[in-house]
Amino acid sequence: MNSPLNLPYKIILGSQSPRRKSLLEGLGIPFEVHVIPTKEEFNKEWGPAKIATALAMDKGNCFNEMLKVDASLLIITADTIVSIGDEILNKPIDRNDAFRMLKMLNGNNHTVFTGVAITIANKQEAFVSATNVYFNELTDDEIYYYIDTCKPYDKAGSYGVQEWIGYVGIRFIEGDFFNVMGLPLNSLYEKLKKYSK
């Protein structure tokens, strides 16, 4: 059965994240994954919402040459940032860095921002979704167990809400759960409706 979202485009997900791929599959929209590497550069004086949006747009702009050749494409790109206070937590570089980040989040609340860009020929729009996440107080042993078991080195903030630490370490969230996984599905679906037949 075809998706009720009848898009007259060939959808490309410009992300190597297996979580974003799985989430987009859940919408029932046919798509292909195609990743064009891009440097994630931004002005450190920008706030996290602007950074996430700008990086998602930069990733979408990398497909401009493809769009010149094939105007039937619709590109979805995204970037997720974890922010606590004034500090932005990117992907950890090693075990110690992951532990440092999780100790910062431990017993505190933080915000996850995901910027999403929709790019077609001669047009691009972007939006950002923010979700507040509240962590329990975990022991050092629990934090190391999570790091060593799940190896969250490809995740901003050093954790995945859909993994062990999400089961035991997150008291509640305010906002879109799927946004914390890397793709705010509800908002994205509403935006894509504008592109349907």
N, C-alpha and C. Protein backbone atom coordinates (compact mmCIF):
# COMPACT_ATOMS: atom_id res chain seq x y z
N MET A 1 0.85 -1.19 0.00
CA MET A 1 0.00 0.00 0.00
C MET A 1 0.88 1.24 0.00
N ASN A 2 0.54 2.21 -0.85
CA ASN A 2 1.32 3.43 -0.93
C ASN A 2 1.06 4.32 0.28
N SER A 3 2.08 5.12 0.61
CA SER A 3 1.93 6.08 1.71
C SER A 3 0.87 7.12 1.35
N PRO A 4 0.09 7.59 2.34
CA PRO A 4 -0.86 8.67 2.07
C PRO A 4 -0.17 9.97 1.69
N LEU A 5 1.14 10.02 1.97
CA LEU A 5 1.92 11.19 1.57
C LEU A 5 2.42 10.94 0.14
N ASN A 6 1.68 11.42 -0.84
CA ASN A 6 1.96 11.13 -2.24
C ASN A 6 2.90 12.19 -2.80
N LEU A 7 4.18 11.94 -2.67
CA LEU A 7 5.18 12.94 -3.07
C LEU A 7 5.63 12.70 -4.51
N PRO A 8 5.56 13.72 -5.36
CA PRO A 8 5.98 13.57 -6.75
C PRO A 8 7.49 13.77 -6.92
N TYR A 9 8.25 13.26 -5.99
CA TYR A 9 9.71 13.40 -5.98
C TYR A 9 10.36 12.06 -5.68
N LYS A 10 11.62 11.96 -6.05
CA LYS A 10 12.45 10.86 -5.58
C LYS A 10 13.13 11.37 -4.31
N ILE A 11 12.87 10.70 -3.21
CA ILE A 11 13.35 11.17 -1.91
C ILE A 11 14.76 10.62 -1.65
N ILE A 12 15.63 11.52 -1.24
CA ILE A 12 16.99 11.15 -0.84
C ILE A 12 17.19 11.56 0.62
N LEU A 13 17.60 10.61 1.45
CA LEU A 13 18.02 10.93 2.81
C LEU A 13 19.52 11.13 2.79
N GLY A 14 19.96 12.34 3.03
CA GLY A 14 21.38 12.66 3.01
C GLY A 14 22.00 12.49 4.38
N SER A 15 21.95 11.27 4.90
CA SER A 15 22.48 11.00 6.24
C SER A 15 22.96 9.57 6.31
N GLN A 16 24.10 9.36 6.97
CA GLN A 16 24.60 8.01 7.17
C GLN A 16 24.13 7.41 8.48
N SER A 17 23.29 8.15 9.22
CA SER A 17 22.80 7.66 10.51
C SER A 17 21.81 6.51 10.32
N PRO A 18 22.11 5.34 10.89
CA PRO A 18 21.14 4.23 10.79
C PRO A 18 19.84 4.55 11.53
N ARG A 19 19.91 5.40 12.54
CA ARG A 19 18.69 5.76 13.28
C ARG A 19 17.78 6.62 12.42
N ARG A 20 18.33 7.60 11.71
CA ARG A 20 17.49 8.42 10.83
C ARG A 20 16.89 7.57 9.71
N LYS A 21 17.66 6.66 9.19
CA LYS A 21 17.15 5.77 8.14
C LYS A 21 15.97 4.96 8.66
N SER A 22 16.11 4.39 9.84
CA SER A 22 15.05 3.59 10.43
C SER A 22 13.81 4.43 10.71
N LEU A 23 14.00 5.64 11.21
CA LEU A 23 12.87 6.52 11.51
C LEU A 23 12.12 6.91 10.25
N LEU A 24 12.86 7.28 9.20
CA LEU A 24 12.20 7.69 7.96
C LEU A 24 11.45 6.52 7.33
N GLU A 25 12.00 5.32 7.46
CA GLU A 25 11.30 4.13 6.97
C GLU A 25 9.95 3.99 7.65
N GLY A 26 9.88 4.39 8.92
CA GLY A 26 8.65 4.29 9.67
C GLY A 26 7.52 5.14 9.13
N LEU A 27 7.85 6.18 8.35
CA LEU A 27 6.81 7.02 7.75
C LEU A 27 6.20 6.37 6.50
N GLY A 28 6.79 5.27 6.03
CA GLY A 28 6.24 4.59 4.86
C GLY A 28 6.52 5.31 3.55
N ILE A 29 7.56 6.13 3.54
CA ILE A 29 7.91 6.89 2.34
C ILE A 29 9.10 6.20 1.66
N PRO A 30 9.00 5.86 0.38
CA PRO A 30 10.16 5.27 -0.29
C PRO A 30 11.27 6.31 -0.45
N PHE A 31 12.49 5.88 -0.18
CA PHE A 31 13.63 6.80 -0.30
C PHE A 31 14.91 6.01 -0.47
N GLU A 32 15.95 6.71 -0.88
CA GLU A 32 17.29 6.15 -0.95
C GLU A 32 18.21 6.97 -0.05
N VAL A 33 19.26 6.33 0.40
CA VAL A 33 20.27 7.03 1.21
C VAL A 33 21.45 7.38 0.31
N HIS A 34 21.83 8.62 0.35
CA HIS A 34 23.00 9.08 -0.40
C HIS A 34 23.69 10.14 0.45
N VAL A 35 24.94 9.91 0.76
CA VAL A 35 25.66 10.83 1.66
C VAL A 35 26.79 11.51 0.90
N ILE A 36 26.84 12.83 1.01
CA ILE A 36 27.95 13.61 0.48
C ILE A 36 28.68 14.21 1.68
N PRO A 37 29.92 13.83 1.91
CA PRO A 37 30.64 14.35 3.08
C PRO A 37 30.73 15.87 3.06
N THR A 38 30.57 16.47 4.22
CA THR A 38 30.67 17.92 4.34
C THR A 38 31.39 18.27 5.63
N LYS A 39 32.11 19.37 5.61
CA LYS A 39 32.77 19.84 6.83
C LYS A 39 31.72 20.50 7.72
N GLU A 40 31.67 20.07 8.97
CA GLU A 40 30.70 20.64 9.90
C GLU A 40 31.33 21.86 10.57
N GLU A 41 31.29 22.97 9.87
CA GLU A 41 31.87 24.22 10.36
C GLU A 41 30.75 25.19 10.72
N PHE A 42 30.94 25.91 11.83
CA PHE A 42 29.93 26.88 12.24
C PHE A 42 30.57 27.93 13.13
N ASN A 43 29.87 29.03 13.28
CA ASN A 43 30.29 30.11 14.15
C ASN A 43 29.97 29.73 15.59
N LYS A 44 31.00 29.64 16.43
CA LYS A 44 30.78 29.19 17.81
C LYS A 44 29.94 30.17 18.62
N GLU A 45 29.73 31.37 18.09
CA GLU A 45 28.90 32.35 18.80
C GLU A 45 27.41 32.13 18.52
N TRP A 46 27.10 31.31 17.53
CA TRP A 46 25.70 31.00 17.26
C TRP A 46 25.14 30.12 18.38
N GLY A 47 23.85 30.20 18.60
CA GLY A 47 23.21 29.31 19.53
C GLY A 47 23.01 27.94 18.91
N PRO A 48 22.68 26.92 19.72
CA PRO A 48 22.56 25.55 19.20
C PRO A 48 21.47 25.39 18.15
N ALA A 49 20.36 26.13 18.29
CA ALA A 49 19.28 26.00 17.29
C ALA A 49 19.76 26.48 15.93
N LYS A 50 20.48 27.59 15.90
CA LYS A 50 20.98 28.13 14.63
C LYS A 50 22.07 27.23 14.05
N ILE A 51 22.92 26.67 14.91
CA ILE A 51 23.98 25.78 14.44
C ILE A 51 23.38 24.54 13.79
N ALA A 52 22.42 23.91 14.47
CA ALA A 52 21.81 22.69 13.93
C ALA A 52 21.13 22.96 12.60
N THR A 53 20.44 24.10 12.51
CA THR A 53 19.75 24.45 11.27
C THR A 53 20.75 24.72 10.15
N ALA A 54 21.80 25.50 10.46
CA ALA A 54 22.79 25.85 9.45
C ALA A 54 23.52 24.61 8.93
N LEU A 55 23.85 23.68 9.81
CA LEU A 55 24.56 22.48 9.38
C LEU A 55 23.65 21.59 8.52
N ALA A 56 22.38 21.51 8.88
CA ALA A 56 21.44 20.73 8.04
C ALA A 56 21.33 21.35 6.65
N MET A 57 21.29 22.69 6.58
CA MET A 57 21.21 23.36 5.29
C MET A 57 22.49 23.17 4.49
N ASP A 58 23.64 23.24 5.15
CA ASP A 58 24.91 23.00 4.46
C ASP A 58 24.94 21.61 3.83
N LYS A 59 24.46 20.63 4.59
CA LYS A 59 24.42 19.26 4.06
C LYS A 59 23.51 19.16 2.84
N GLY A 60 22.38 19.88 2.89
CA GLY A 60 21.47 19.89 1.75
C GLY A 60 22.06 20.57 0.54
N ASN A 61 22.82 21.65 0.77
CA ASN A 61 23.42 22.39 -0.34
C ASN A 61 24.47 21.58 -1.08
N CYS A 62 25.00 20.55 -0.44
CA CYS A 62 25.99 19.69 -1.10
C CYS A 62 25.37 18.92 -2.27
N PHE A 63 24.05 18.88 -2.33
CA PHE A 63 23.36 18.15 -3.39
C PHE A 63 22.97 19.04 -4.56
N ASN A 64 23.41 20.30 -4.56
CA ASN A 64 22.98 21.24 -5.61
C ASN A 64 23.35 20.76 -7.01
N GLU A 65 24.52 20.16 -7.16
CA GLU A 65 24.92 19.67 -8.49
C GLU A 65 24.01 18.53 -8.94
N MET A 66 23.65 17.64 -8.02
CA MET A 66 22.73 16.56 -8.36
C MET A 66 21.36 17.12 -8.75
N LEU A 67 20.93 18.16 -8.07
CA LEU A 67 19.61 18.76 -8.35
C LEU A 67 19.60 19.47 -9.71
N LYS A 68 20.75 19.97 -10.14
CA LYS A 68 20.82 20.58 -11.47
C LYS A 68 20.61 19.54 -12.56
N VAL A 69 21.06 18.32 -12.28
CA VAL A 69 20.93 17.23 -13.25
C VAL A 69 19.55 16.58 -13.19
N ASP A 70 19.03 16.48 -11.97
CA ASP A 70 17.74 15.80 -11.78
C ASP A 70 16.86 16.63 -10.85
N ALA A 71 15.94 17.38 -11.42
CA ALA A 71 15.07 18.27 -10.63
C ALA A 71 13.94 17.52 -9.94
N SER A 72 13.88 16.21 -10.11
CA SER A 72 12.82 15.43 -9.47
C SER A 72 13.20 14.97 -8.06
N LEU A 73 14.39 15.35 -7.61
CA LEU A 73 14.87 14.91 -6.30
C LEU A 73 14.36 15.83 -5.19
N LEU A 74 14.11 15.24 -4.04
CA LEU A 74 13.86 15.99 -2.81
C LEU A 74 14.82 15.43 -1.76
N ILE A 75 15.65 16.31 -1.20
CA ILE A 75 16.72 15.91 -0.30
C ILE A 75 16.33 16.25 1.14
N ILE A 76 16.48 15.29 2.02
CA ILE A 76 16.25 15.51 3.45
C ILE A 76 17.59 15.36 4.17
N THR A 77 18.02 16.41 4.86
CA THR A 77 19.26 16.37 5.63
C THR A 77 18.98 16.88 7.03
N ALA A 78 19.81 16.47 7.99
CA ALA A 78 19.56 16.83 9.38
C ALA A 78 20.87 16.89 10.15
N ASP A 79 20.83 17.62 11.27
CA ASP A 79 21.96 17.65 12.19
C ASP A 79 21.41 17.77 13.60
N THR A 80 21.95 16.97 14.50
CA THR A 80 21.48 16.96 15.89
C THR A 80 22.58 17.44 16.82
N ILE A 81 22.21 18.32 17.74
CA ILE A 81 23.15 18.90 18.70
C ILE A 81 22.59 18.77 20.11
N VAL A 82 23.44 18.37 21.03
CA VAL A 82 23.07 18.31 22.44
C VAL A 82 23.68 19.51 23.14
N SER A 83 22.85 20.22 23.90
CA SER A 83 23.31 21.44 24.57
C SER A 83 22.94 21.40 26.04
N ILE A 84 23.92 21.67 26.89
CA ILE A 84 23.66 21.79 28.32
C ILE A 84 24.28 23.09 28.79
N GLY A 85 23.44 23.99 29.31
CA GLY A 85 23.92 25.32 29.64
C GLY A 85 24.40 26.01 28.38
N ASP A 86 25.62 26.52 28.41
CA ASP A 86 26.19 27.18 27.24
C ASP A 86 27.09 26.26 26.44
N GLU A 87 27.18 25.01 26.83
CA GLU A 87 28.12 24.09 26.17
C GLU A 87 27.40 23.16 25.21
N ILE A 88 28.00 23.02 24.03
CA ILE A 88 27.49 22.10 23.02
C ILE A 88 28.32 20.81 23.09
N LEU A 89 27.61 19.68 23.18
CA LEU A 89 28.27 18.38 23.26
C LEU A 89 28.16 17.69 21.90
N ASN A 90 29.29 17.54 21.25
CA ASN A 90 29.33 16.86 19.96
C ASN A 90 29.54 15.36 20.18
N LYS A 91 30.00 14.67 19.17
CA LYS A 91 30.29 13.25 19.31
C LYS A 91 31.59 13.08 20.11
N PRO A 92 31.64 12.12 21.01
CA PRO A 92 32.86 11.94 21.82
C PRO A 92 34.01 11.39 20.99
N ILE A 93 35.21 11.78 21.37
CA ILE A 93 36.38 11.32 20.61
C ILE A 93 36.92 9.99 21.15
N ASP A 94 36.60 9.68 22.43
CA ASP A 94 37.06 8.42 23.01
C ASP A 94 36.25 8.12 24.27
N ARG A 95 36.63 7.05 24.97
CA ARG A 95 35.90 6.61 26.16
C ARG A 95 35.89 7.68 27.24
N ASN A 96 37.04 8.31 27.47
CA ASN A 96 37.12 9.34 28.50
C ASN A 96 36.24 10.54 28.17
N ASP A 97 36.19 10.91 26.90
CA ASP A 97 35.37 12.04 26.48
C ASP A 97 33.88 11.70 26.64
N ALA A 98 33.52 10.47 26.32
CA ALA A 98 32.12 10.04 26.50
C ALA A 98 31.74 10.10 27.97
N PHE A 99 32.65 9.63 28.84
CA PHE A 99 32.37 9.67 30.28
C PHE A 99 32.23 11.11 30.76
N ARG A 100 33.10 11.99 30.29
CA ARG A 100 33.04 13.40 30.68
C ARG A 100 31.67 14.00 30.33
N MET A 101 31.21 13.74 29.11
CA MET A 101 29.92 14.29 28.68
C MET A 101 28.77 13.73 29.52
N LEU A 102 28.77 12.41 29.73
CA LEU A 102 27.67 11.80 30.47
C LEU A 102 27.67 12.23 31.93
N LYS A 103 28.84 12.53 32.49
CA LYS A 103 28.88 13.07 33.85
C LYS A 103 28.25 14.46 33.89
N MET A 104 28.41 15.23 32.82
CA MET A 104 27.77 16.54 32.75
C MET A 104 26.25 16.42 32.69
N LEU A 105 25.77 15.44 31.93
CA LEU A 105 24.33 15.25 31.78
C LEU A 105 23.71 14.59 33.01
N ASN A 106 24.52 13.87 33.76
CA ASN A 106 24.07 13.07 34.89
C ASN A 106 23.32 13.90 35.94
N GLY A 107 22.05 13.54 36.19
CA GLY A 107 21.27 14.24 37.20
C GLY A 107 20.79 15.61 36.78
N ASN A 108 21.02 15.98 35.53
CA ASN A 108 20.65 17.31 35.03
C ASN A 108 19.66 17.19 33.87
N ASN A 109 19.21 18.33 33.42
CA ASN A 109 18.42 18.35 32.19
C ASN A 109 19.20 19.08 31.11
N HIS A 110 18.97 18.68 29.86
CA HIS A 110 19.64 19.30 28.73
C HIS A 110 18.65 19.36 27.57
N THR A 111 19.08 19.98 26.49
CA THR A 111 18.20 20.14 25.34
C THR A 111 18.85 19.54 24.10
N VAL A 112 18.06 18.80 23.35
CA VAL A 112 18.50 18.24 22.07
C VAL A 112 17.83 19.03 20.95
N PHE A 113 18.66 19.57 20.07
CA PHE A 113 18.18 20.33 18.92
C PHE A 113 18.47 19.54 17.65
N THR A 114 17.46 19.35 16.82
CA THR A 114 17.69 18.76 15.50
C THR A 114 17.22 19.75 14.45
N GLY A 115 18.15 20.16 13.60
CA GLY A 115 17.82 20.98 12.45
C GLY A 115 17.58 20.08 11.25
N VAL A 116 16.55 20.37 10.49
CA VAL A 116 16.22 19.57 9.30
C VAL A 116 16.08 20.51 8.11
N ALA A 117 16.67 20.12 6.99
CA ALA A 117 16.54 20.89 5.75
C ALA A 117 15.89 20.02 4.69
N ILE A 118 14.95 20.62 3.97
CA ILE A 118 14.33 20.00 2.80
C ILE A 118 14.77 20.81 1.59
N THR A 119 15.48 20.15 0.68
CA THR A 119 16.07 20.84 -0.46
C THR A 119 15.55 20.25 -1.76
N ILE A 120 15.01 21.09 -2.61
CA ILE A 120 14.63 20.71 -3.97
C ILE A 120 15.31 21.69 -4.92
N ALA A 121 15.13 21.51 -6.20
CA ALA A 121 15.76 22.40 -7.17
C ALA A 121 15.28 23.84 -6.92
N ASN A 122 16.23 24.73 -6.73
CA ASN A 122 15.97 26.17 -6.58
C ASN A 122 15.20 26.54 -5.32
N LYS A 123 15.14 25.64 -4.35
CA LYS A 123 14.43 25.98 -3.12
C LYS A 123 14.94 25.14 -1.96
N GLN A 124 15.02 25.78 -0.80
CA GLN A 124 15.39 25.05 0.42
C GLN A 124 14.64 25.67 1.59
N GLU A 125 14.10 24.82 2.45
CA GLU A 125 13.52 25.31 3.70
C GLU A 125 14.07 24.48 4.84
N ALA A 126 14.15 25.10 6.00
CA ALA A 126 14.71 24.40 7.16
C ALA A 126 13.91 24.76 8.41
N PHE A 127 13.96 23.85 9.36
CA PHE A 127 13.32 24.09 10.65
C PHE A 127 14.13 23.38 11.72
N VAL A 128 13.86 23.72 12.97
CA VAL A 128 14.55 23.09 14.09
C VAL A 128 13.54 22.65 15.12
N SER A 129 13.81 21.51 15.74
CA SER A 129 12.97 20.98 16.80
C SER A 129 13.82 20.85 18.06
N ALA A 130 13.25 21.20 19.21
CA ALA A 130 13.98 21.15 20.48
C ALA A 130 13.23 20.27 21.47
N THR A 131 13.96 19.39 22.16
CA THR A 131 13.39 18.49 23.16
C THR A 131 14.22 18.57 24.43
N ASN A 132 13.56 18.76 25.56
CA ASN A 132 14.25 18.77 26.85
C ASN A 132 14.29 17.36 27.43
N VAL A 133 15.47 16.97 27.89
CA VAL A 133 15.68 15.62 28.40
C VAL A 133 16.17 15.70 29.84
N TYR A 134 15.57 14.92 30.73
CA TYR A 134 15.90 14.95 32.16
C TYR A 134 16.51 13.61 32.56
N PHE A 135 17.76 13.67 33.04
CA PHE A 135 18.52 12.48 33.39
C PHE A 135 18.41 12.16 34.88
N ASN A 136 18.35 10.88 35.20
CA ASN A 136 18.54 10.41 36.57
C ASN A 136 20.00 10.58 36.98
N GLU A 137 20.24 10.37 38.26
CA GLU A 137 21.62 10.32 38.77
C GLU A 137 22.12 8.90 38.62
N LEU A 138 23.11 8.71 37.77
CA LEU A 138 23.69 7.39 37.54
C LEU A 138 25.04 7.28 38.24
N THR A 139 25.40 6.06 38.64
CA THR A 139 26.73 5.85 39.22
C THR A 139 27.77 5.81 38.11
N ASP A 140 29.02 5.99 38.49
CA ASP A 140 30.11 5.88 37.51
C ASP A 140 30.12 4.51 36.85
N ASP A 141 29.87 3.47 37.65
CA ASP A 141 29.84 2.10 37.10
C ASP A 141 28.75 1.96 36.04
N GLU A 142 27.58 2.58 36.28
CA GLU A 142 26.49 2.51 35.32
C GLU A 142 26.86 3.24 34.03
N ILE A 143 27.51 4.39 34.18
CA ILE A 143 27.91 5.16 33.00
C ILE A 143 28.94 4.38 32.19
N TYR A 144 29.94 3.80 32.86
CA TYR A 144 30.94 3.02 32.14
C TYR A 144 30.33 1.76 31.51
N TYR A 145 29.37 1.14 32.21
CA TYR A 145 28.69 -0.02 31.63
C TYR A 145 28.02 0.36 30.32
N TYR A 146 27.33 1.50 30.31
CA TYR A 146 26.67 1.94 29.09
C TYR A 146 27.68 2.20 27.98
N ILE A 147 28.75 2.94 28.30
CA ILE A 147 29.75 3.27 27.28
C ILE A 147 30.37 2.01 26.69
N ASP A 148 30.74 1.07 27.56
CA ASP A 148 31.43 -0.13 27.10
C ASP A 148 30.49 -1.10 26.39
N THR A 149 29.21 -1.07 26.73
CA THR A 149 28.24 -1.97 26.10
C THR A 149 27.74 -1.42 24.77
N CYS A 150 27.42 -0.13 24.75
CA CYS A 150 26.76 0.45 23.57
C CYS A 150 27.69 1.28 22.68
N LYS A 151 28.87 1.65 23.20
CA LYS A 151 29.87 2.39 22.41
C LYS A 151 29.24 3.56 21.64
N PRO A 152 28.79 4.58 22.36
CA PRO A 152 28.03 5.68 21.74
C PRO A 152 28.90 6.74 21.08
N TYR A 153 29.93 6.31 20.36
CA TYR A 153 30.90 7.26 19.81
C TYR A 153 30.41 7.98 18.56
N ASP A 154 29.28 7.53 18.01
CA ASP A 154 28.74 8.19 16.82
C ASP A 154 27.54 9.06 17.17
N LYS A 155 27.37 9.36 18.47
CA LYS A 155 26.18 10.08 18.91
C LYS A 155 26.54 11.37 19.62
N ALA A 156 25.88 12.45 19.23
CA ALA A 156 26.05 13.73 19.94
C ALA A 156 25.65 13.56 21.39
N GLY A 157 26.46 14.08 22.30
CA GLY A 157 26.17 13.96 23.71
C GLY A 157 26.51 12.61 24.31
N SER A 158 27.02 11.71 23.49
CA SER A 158 27.49 10.39 23.94
C SER A 158 26.39 9.44 24.39
N TYR A 159 25.16 9.62 23.90
CA TYR A 159 24.14 8.65 24.28
C TYR A 159 23.07 8.55 23.22
N GLY A 160 22.38 7.39 23.25
CA GLY A 160 21.21 7.18 22.41
C GLY A 160 20.02 6.88 23.29
N VAL A 161 18.97 7.67 23.15
CA VAL A 161 17.80 7.53 24.01
C VAL A 161 17.14 6.16 23.84
N GLN A 162 17.36 5.52 22.70
CA GLN A 162 16.75 4.22 22.42
C GLN A 162 17.59 3.06 22.94
N GLU A 163 18.66 3.35 23.67
CA GLU A 163 19.56 2.31 24.19
C GLU A 163 19.39 2.18 25.71
N TRP A 164 20.24 1.36 26.32
CA TRP A 164 20.16 1.03 27.75
C TRP A 164 20.04 2.27 28.62
N ILE A 165 20.84 3.29 28.32
CA ILE A 165 20.83 4.47 29.17
C ILE A 165 19.48 5.20 29.09
N GLY A 166 18.81 5.08 27.96
CA GLY A 166 17.48 5.66 27.84
C GLY A 166 16.46 4.92 28.68
N TYR A 167 16.65 3.61 28.81
CA TYR A 167 15.72 2.80 29.59
C TYR A 167 15.81 3.12 31.08
N VAL A 168 17.03 3.29 31.59
CA VAL A 168 17.22 3.43 33.03
C VAL A 168 17.62 4.83 33.47
N GLY A 169 18.12 5.63 32.55
CA GLY A 169 18.72 6.89 32.94
C GLY A 169 17.91 8.14 32.65
N ILE A 170 16.85 8.02 31.86
CA ILE A 170 16.09 9.21 31.49
C ILE A 170 14.73 9.18 32.19
N ARG A 171 14.52 10.18 33.04
CA ARG A 171 13.27 10.24 33.83
C ARG A 171 12.09 10.63 32.96
N PHE A 172 12.25 11.68 32.16
CA PHE A 172 11.19 12.08 31.24
C PHE A 172 11.75 13.07 30.23
N ILE A 173 10.97 13.28 29.18
CA ILE A 173 11.35 14.27 28.18
C ILE A 173 10.18 15.20 27.93
N GLU A 174 10.48 16.39 27.46
CA GLU A 174 9.48 17.37 27.03
C GLU A 174 9.73 17.64 25.55
N GLY A 175 8.80 17.19 24.72
CA GLY A 175 8.96 17.40 23.28
C GLY A 175 8.92 16.09 22.53
N ASP A 176 9.42 16.11 21.31
CA ASP A 176 9.38 14.99 20.39
C ASP A 176 10.45 13.97 20.76
N PHE A 177 10.03 12.76 21.15
CA PHE A 177 10.97 11.69 21.48
C PHE A 177 11.89 11.38 20.32
N PHE A 178 11.32 11.31 19.10
CA PHE A 178 12.11 10.93 17.93
C PHE A 178 13.14 12.00 17.57
N ASN A 179 12.89 13.23 18.00
CA ASN A 179 13.87 14.29 17.81
C ASN A 179 15.18 13.96 18.53
N VAL A 180 15.06 13.33 19.70
CA VAL A 180 16.25 12.96 20.47
C VAL A 180 17.02 11.86 19.74
N MET A 181 16.33 11.05 18.96
CA MET A 181 16.98 10.01 18.15
C MET A 181 17.61 10.60 16.88
N GLY A 182 17.21 11.83 16.51
CA GLY A 182 17.87 12.46 15.36
C GLY A 182 16.97 12.91 14.23
N LEU A 183 15.63 12.69 14.36
CA LEU A 183 14.74 13.14 13.28
C LEU A 183 13.35 13.40 13.87
N PRO A 184 12.92 14.67 13.92
CA PRO A 184 11.59 14.99 14.46
C PRO A 184 10.50 14.63 13.45
N LEU A 185 10.00 13.41 13.55
CA LEU A 185 9.13 12.85 12.52
C LEU A 185 7.83 13.62 12.35
N ASN A 186 7.21 14.02 13.45
CA ASN A 186 5.93 14.71 13.34
C ASN A 186 6.07 16.00 12.54
N SER A 187 7.06 16.81 12.89
CA SER A 187 7.28 18.08 12.19
C SER A 187 7.68 17.85 10.74
N LEU A 188 8.54 16.84 10.51
CA LEU A 188 8.97 16.55 9.14
C LEU A 188 7.79 16.12 8.28
N TYR A 189 6.94 15.27 8.80
CA TYR A 189 5.78 14.80 8.04
C TYR A 189 4.88 15.98 7.67
N GLU A 190 4.64 16.89 8.61
CA GLU A 190 3.80 18.05 8.34
C GLU A 190 4.42 18.93 7.25
N LYS A 191 5.73 19.08 7.28
CA LYS A 191 6.41 19.89 6.25
C LYS A 191 6.31 19.21 4.88
N LEU A 192 6.48 17.90 4.85
CA LEU A 192 6.45 17.18 3.57
C LEU A 192 5.08 17.20 2.91
N LYS A 193 4.04 17.38 3.71
CA LYS A 193 2.68 17.44 3.14
C LYS A 193 2.58 18.55 2.09
N LYS A 194 3.34 19.62 2.28
CA LYS A 194 3.29 20.75 1.34
C LYS A 194 3.86 20.37 -0.03
N TYR A 195 4.62 19.29 -0.08
CA TYR A 195 5.26 18.87 -1.33
C TYR A 195 4.48 17.75 -2.02
N SER A 196 3.41 17.28 -1.40
CA SER A 196 2.66 16.16 -1.97
C SER A 196 1.73 16.64 -3.08
N LYS A 197 1.25 15.70 -3.87
CA LYS A 197 0.36 16.03 -4.99
C LYS A 197 -1.00 16.48 -4.49
